[in-house]
């Protein structure tokens, strides 16, 4: 049970990390497109 809980916590941390990276990519993409528009 403890191992499963740790794996779940690690999975959630990885997902959050990916979400943050995707958000930063989208933000940078918008910033890069703004001067062109």
Protein backbone atom coordinates (compact mmCIF):
# COMPACT_ATOMS: atom_id res chain seq x y z
CA UNK A 1 0.00 0.00 0.00
CA UNK A 2 2.78 2.41 0.89
CA UNK A 3 4.67 1.63 -2.32
CA UNK A 4 1.53 2.10 -4.39
CA UNK A 5 0.92 5.44 -2.66
CA UNK A 6 4.47 6.58 -3.40
CA UNK A 7 4.09 5.59 -7.05
CA UNK A 8 0.83 7.53 -7.24
CA UNK A 9 2.51 10.60 -5.73
CA UNK A 10 5.40 10.27 -8.17
CA UNK A 11 2.97 9.92 -11.09
CA UNK A 12 1.04 13.03 -10.01
CA UNK A 13 4.32 14.96 -9.67
CA UNK A 14 5.36 13.91 -13.18
CA UNK A 15 1.98 14.91 -14.61
CA UNK A 16 2.15 18.30 -12.91
CA UNK A 17 5.69 18.77 -14.25
CA UNK A 18 4.50 17.98 -17.79
CA UNK A 19 1.55 20.37 -17.42
CA UNK A 20 3.88 23.17 -16.30
CA UNK A 21 6.20 22.51 -19.26
CA UNK A 22 3.26 22.49 -21.69
CA UNK A 23 1.91 25.72 -20.19
CA UNK A 24 5.32 27.39 -20.56
CA UNK A 25 5.59 26.19 -24.19
CA UNK A 26 2.12 27.53 -24.99
CA UNK A 27 2.96 30.82 -23.26
CA UNK A 28 6.25 31.14 -25.16
CA UNK A 29 4.45 30.25 -28.41
CA UNK A 30 1.91 33.02 -27.83
CA UNK A 31 4.71 35.45 -26.98
CA UNK A 32 6.57 34.51 -30.18
CA UNK A 33 3.45 34.85 -32.34
CA UNK A 34 2.39 38.18 -30.85
CA UNK A 35 5.08 40.31 -32.66
CA UNK A 36 4.24 38.65 -35.99
CA UNK A 37 0.55 39.49 -35.63
